[in-house]
Amino acid sequence: MTPDHGRIIFMKCHGDRFDQIQNHLKYFLLACEYIQAYDYSTGLGFVVDFREMNIVEFVRALNVMDFKKVMDIATDGYSIRIKGVHLISESKAVELFASILRQVLKAKIGQRITCHKDLESLYEIVPRDILPKEYGGDDKTVVELRDDLLNELRSEKFTSHCKEMNKARTNENYRLIADFNEEYLGMAGTFRTLTVD
């Protein structure tokens, strides 16, 4: 947790095949569900390490519209406040990915995207004590943090919460139905008569 009570989500990307992107997006939404149910923070900051992957191939494989929908669900549906996105890579292709993100995300969030060539510039923004050990921090390793999150998402408490949320439905019996709608082509609301001479 940051000094201003925000959370940092750390993602380390690696590999050259990206046929599982949809599963990662689902995993992210499951984490958003967990955050909404059990976490109390002022917002989320994302640190994404692209140093061990081919960013160009990742951008080619990414379905931008699916990514936008997932981010809209996170920000509008789960009310996740994104405080910053920090992309780490020496490659100039990270700027390409950042520009795509800026076009897809809301303008306010797009302004919060920062590219870092090395960890030193990241240390100026993200406190070292909350970074994983591999990144010069005092927290657990990336693998330990991932395993802790997976254990929480697999816990009986959270799975029962998800089952309960999946049962939620609207009761259409309580929806107001008025004949007024049929008279005005389905447009409900307050209408005033305007007389023009």
Protein backbone atom coordinates (compact mmCIF):
# COMPACT_ATOMS: atom_id res chain seq x y z
CA MET A 1 0.00 0.00 0.00
CA THR A 2 1.33 3.43 -0.94
CA PRO A 3 1.58 6.28 1.59
CA ASP A 4 -1.67 7.74 0.18
CA HIS A 5 -3.43 4.35 0.69
CA GLY A 6 -3.38 3.24 -2.93
CA ARG A 7 -2.57 -0.23 -4.21
CA ILE A 8 0.10 -1.10 -6.75
CA ILE A 9 -0.64 -3.98 -9.09
CA PHE A 10 2.60 -5.35 -10.47
CA MET A 11 2.57 -7.31 -13.74
CA LYS A 12 5.62 -8.99 -15.19
CA CYS A 13 5.06 -9.97 -18.82
CA HIS A 14 7.20 -12.50 -20.65
CA GLY A 15 7.08 -14.71 -23.72
CA ASP A 16 6.46 -14.40 -27.43
CA ARG A 17 3.07 -16.14 -27.75
CA PHE A 18 -0.05 -14.25 -26.83
CA ASP A 19 -2.94 -16.62 -27.44
CA GLN A 20 -4.08 -16.43 -23.80
CA ILE A 21 -4.79 -12.68 -23.60
CA GLN A 22 -8.53 -13.27 -23.07
CA ASN A 23 -7.79 -15.41 -20.01
CA HIS A 24 -5.61 -12.66 -18.56
CA LEU A 25 -8.38 -10.11 -19.08
CA LYS A 26 -10.84 -12.43 -17.26
CA TYR A 27 -8.31 -12.85 -14.47
CA PHE A 28 -8.05 -9.06 -14.19
CA LEU A 29 -11.85 -8.73 -13.89
CA LEU A 30 -11.86 -11.42 -11.20
CA ALA A 31 -9.23 -9.41 -9.32
CA CYS A 32 -11.44 -6.31 -9.70
CA GLU A 33 -14.32 -8.26 -8.14
CA TYR A 34 -12.05 -9.18 -5.23
CA ILE A 35 -10.88 -5.58 -4.82
CA GLN A 36 -14.45 -4.30 -4.79
CA ALA A 37 -15.54 -6.89 -2.24
CA TYR A 38 -12.63 -6.85 0.21
CA ASP A 39 -10.17 -4.03 -0.39
CA TYR A 40 -10.30 -0.44 0.77
CA SER A 41 -7.88 1.71 -1.17
CA THR A 42 -7.91 5.13 -2.78
CA GLY A 43 -7.05 3.71 -6.20
CA LEU A 44 -4.81 1.41 -8.18
CA GLY A 45 -1.47 2.03 -9.79
CA PHE A 46 -0.21 -0.42 -12.38
CA VAL A 47 3.44 -1.28 -12.95
CA VAL A 48 3.89 -3.42 -16.06
CA ASP A 49 7.31 -4.87 -16.87
CA PHE A 50 7.66 -5.53 -20.62
CA ARG A 51 11.41 -6.13 -20.59
CA GLU A 52 11.17 -9.90 -21.19
CA MET A 53 8.65 -9.92 -24.02
CA ASN A 54 8.14 -8.88 -27.62
CA ILE A 55 5.91 -5.80 -27.36
CA VAL A 56 5.26 -5.59 -31.11
CA GLU A 57 3.84 -9.13 -31.17
CA PHE A 58 1.80 -8.34 -28.05
CA VAL A 59 0.29 -5.26 -29.69
CA ARG A 60 -0.55 -7.31 -32.80
CA ALA A 61 -2.30 -9.97 -30.72
CA LEU A 62 -4.20 -7.54 -28.48
CA ASN A 63 -7.82 -6.95 -29.41
CA VAL A 64 -8.11 -3.26 -28.62
CA MET A 65 -11.92 -3.29 -28.36
CA ASP A 66 -11.90 -6.16 -25.85
CA PHE A 67 -9.25 -4.34 -23.84
CA LYS A 68 -11.35 -1.15 -23.87
CA LYS A 69 -14.44 -3.05 -22.72
CA VAL A 70 -12.54 -4.64 -19.86
CA MET A 71 -11.15 -1.27 -18.77
CA ASP A 72 -14.64 0.29 -18.98
CA ILE A 73 -16.00 -2.51 -16.80
CA ALA A 74 -13.18 -1.96 -14.30
CA THR A 75 -13.52 1.82 -14.12
CA ASP A 76 -17.29 2.21 -14.53
CA GLY A 77 -18.66 -1.12 -13.27
CA TYR A 78 -16.27 -1.79 -10.40
CA SER A 79 -15.47 1.90 -9.76
CA ILE A 80 -11.74 1.26 -9.90
CA ARG A 81 -9.79 4.51 -9.81
CA ILE A 82 -6.61 4.21 -11.88
CA LYS A 83 -3.96 6.45 -10.36
CA GLY A 84 -1.20 5.65 -12.83
CA VAL A 85 0.13 3.18 -15.36
CA HIS A 86 3.90 2.67 -15.44
CA LEU A 87 5.33 0.72 -18.37
CA ILE A 88 8.91 -0.55 -18.03
CA SER A 89 10.90 -1.36 -21.16
CA GLU A 90 14.07 -0.32 -22.93
CA SER A 91 12.33 -0.90 -26.27
CA LYS A 92 10.93 2.06 -28.19
CA ALA A 93 7.91 -0.11 -29.01
CA VAL A 94 6.59 0.58 -25.52
CA GLU A 95 5.77 4.10 -26.75
CA LEU A 96 3.61 2.51 -29.46
CA PHE A 97 1.72 0.54 -26.84
CA ALA A 98 1.38 3.63 -24.64
CA SER A 99 -0.07 5.63 -27.54
CA ILE A 100 -2.62 2.87 -28.18
CA LEU A 101 -3.53 2.90 -24.49
CA ARG A 102 -3.96 6.67 -24.55
CA GLN A 103 -6.41 6.36 -27.45
CA VAL A 104 -8.39 3.55 -25.84
CA LEU A 105 -8.56 4.78 -22.25
CA LYS A 106 -10.26 7.89 -21.01
CA ALA A 107 -8.23 11.08 -21.48
CA LYS A 108 -7.66 11.54 -17.74
CA ILE A 109 -6.24 8.02 -17.40
CA GLY A 110 -4.25 8.42 -20.63
CA GLN A 111 -2.39 11.35 -19.07
CA ARG A 112 -1.31 9.09 -16.22
CA ILE A 113 0.58 6.64 -18.46
CA THR A 114 4.34 6.83 -17.99
CA CYS A 115 7.07 4.92 -19.81
CA HIS A 116 10.26 4.03 -17.93
CA LYS A 117 13.50 2.94 -19.60
CA ASP A 118 14.92 1.71 -16.29
CA LEU A 119 13.96 1.15 -12.68
CA GLU A 120 15.59 4.34 -11.40
CA SER A 121 12.86 6.54 -12.88
CA LEU A 122 10.25 4.19 -11.41
CA TYR A 123 11.75 4.57 -7.93
CA GLU A 124 11.03 8.30 -8.10
CA ILE A 125 7.29 7.57 -8.33
CA VAL A 126 6.69 4.22 -6.64
CA PRO A 127 8.14 3.68 -3.15
CA ARG A 128 10.81 0.98 -3.07
CA ASP A 129 9.42 -0.68 0.06
CA ILE A 130 6.30 -1.86 -1.81
CA LEU A 131 8.12 -3.17 -4.89
CA PRO A 132 9.00 -6.88 -5.23
CA LYS A 133 12.49 -8.02 -4.26
CA GLU A 134 13.56 -8.55 -7.88
CA TYR A 135 12.98 -4.86 -8.48
CA GLY A 136 14.99 -3.56 -5.55
CA GLY A 137 12.06 -3.49 -3.16
CA ASP A 138 11.40 -4.90 0.29
CA ASP A 139 8.21 -6.82 -0.51
CA LYS A 140 7.87 -10.49 -1.49
CA THR A 141 9.00 -11.81 -4.85
CA VAL A 142 6.71 -11.57 -7.89
CA VAL A 143 6.00 -15.32 -7.75
CA GLU A 144 5.10 -15.16 -4.04
CA LEU A 145 2.79 -12.20 -4.62
CA ARG A 146 1.11 -13.99 -7.54
CA ASP A 147 0.63 -17.15 -5.48
CA ASP A 148 -0.86 -15.14 -2.60
CA LEU A 149 -3.36 -13.51 -4.95
CA LEU A 150 -4.27 -16.84 -6.56
CA ASN A 151 -4.82 -18.39 -3.13
CA GLU A 152 -7.14 -15.52 -2.21
CA LEU A 153 -9.07 -15.84 -5.47
CA ARG A 154 -9.42 -19.60 -4.91
CA SER A 155 -10.46 -19.27 -1.26
CA GLU A 156 -13.83 -20.62 -0.17
CA LYS A 157 -14.85 -17.18 1.05
CA PHE A 158 -14.27 -15.51 -2.32
CA THR A 159 -15.70 -18.33 -4.44
CA SER A 160 -18.90 -18.29 -2.36
CA HIS A 161 -19.02 -14.50 -2.82
CA CYS A 162 -18.74 -14.91 -6.61
CA LYS A 163 -21.44 -17.58 -6.65
CA GLU A 164 -23.72 -15.26 -4.69
CA MET A 165 -23.02 -12.36 -7.07
CA ASN A 166 -23.74 -14.60 -10.07
CA LYS A 167 -27.20 -15.32 -8.64
CA ALA A 168 -28.07 -11.60 -8.56
CA ARG A 169 -30.88 -10.68 -10.93
CA THR A 170 -33.29 -7.82 -11.45
CA ASN A 171 -36.92 -8.31 -10.48
CA GLU A 172 -38.93 -7.01 -13.43
CA ASN A 173 -42.11 -7.06 -11.33
CA TYR A 174 -40.98 -3.85 -9.66
CA ARG A 175 -40.35 -1.99 -12.94
CA LEU A 176 -42.82 0.84 -13.49
CA ILE A 177 -44.99 0.35 -16.52
CA ALA A 178 -47.17 3.20 -17.67
CA ASP A 179 -49.50 3.65 -20.61
CA PHE A 180 -47.94 7.07 -21.02
CA ASN A 181 -44.98 5.48 -22.77
CA GLU A 182 -47.10 4.05 -25.56
CA GLU A 183 -48.67 7.45 -26.29
CA TYR A 184 -45.29 9.11 -26.83
CA LEU A 185 -43.48 6.38 -28.76
CA GLY A 186 -41.81 4.92 -25.70
CA MET A 187 -40.29 8.19 -24.52
CA ALA A 188 -40.94 8.60 -20.81
CA GLY A 189 -40.39 11.90 -19.05
CA THR A 190 -41.96 15.28 -18.47
CA PHE A 191 -43.17 17.00 -21.60
CA ARG A 192 -44.56 20.51 -21.86
CA THR A 193 -46.70 21.81 -24.63
CA LEU A 194 -45.24 24.58 -26.70
CA THR A 195 -47.68 26.67 -28.67
CA VAL A 196 -46.28 28.63 -31.58
CA ASP A 197 -48.42 31.39 -33.18
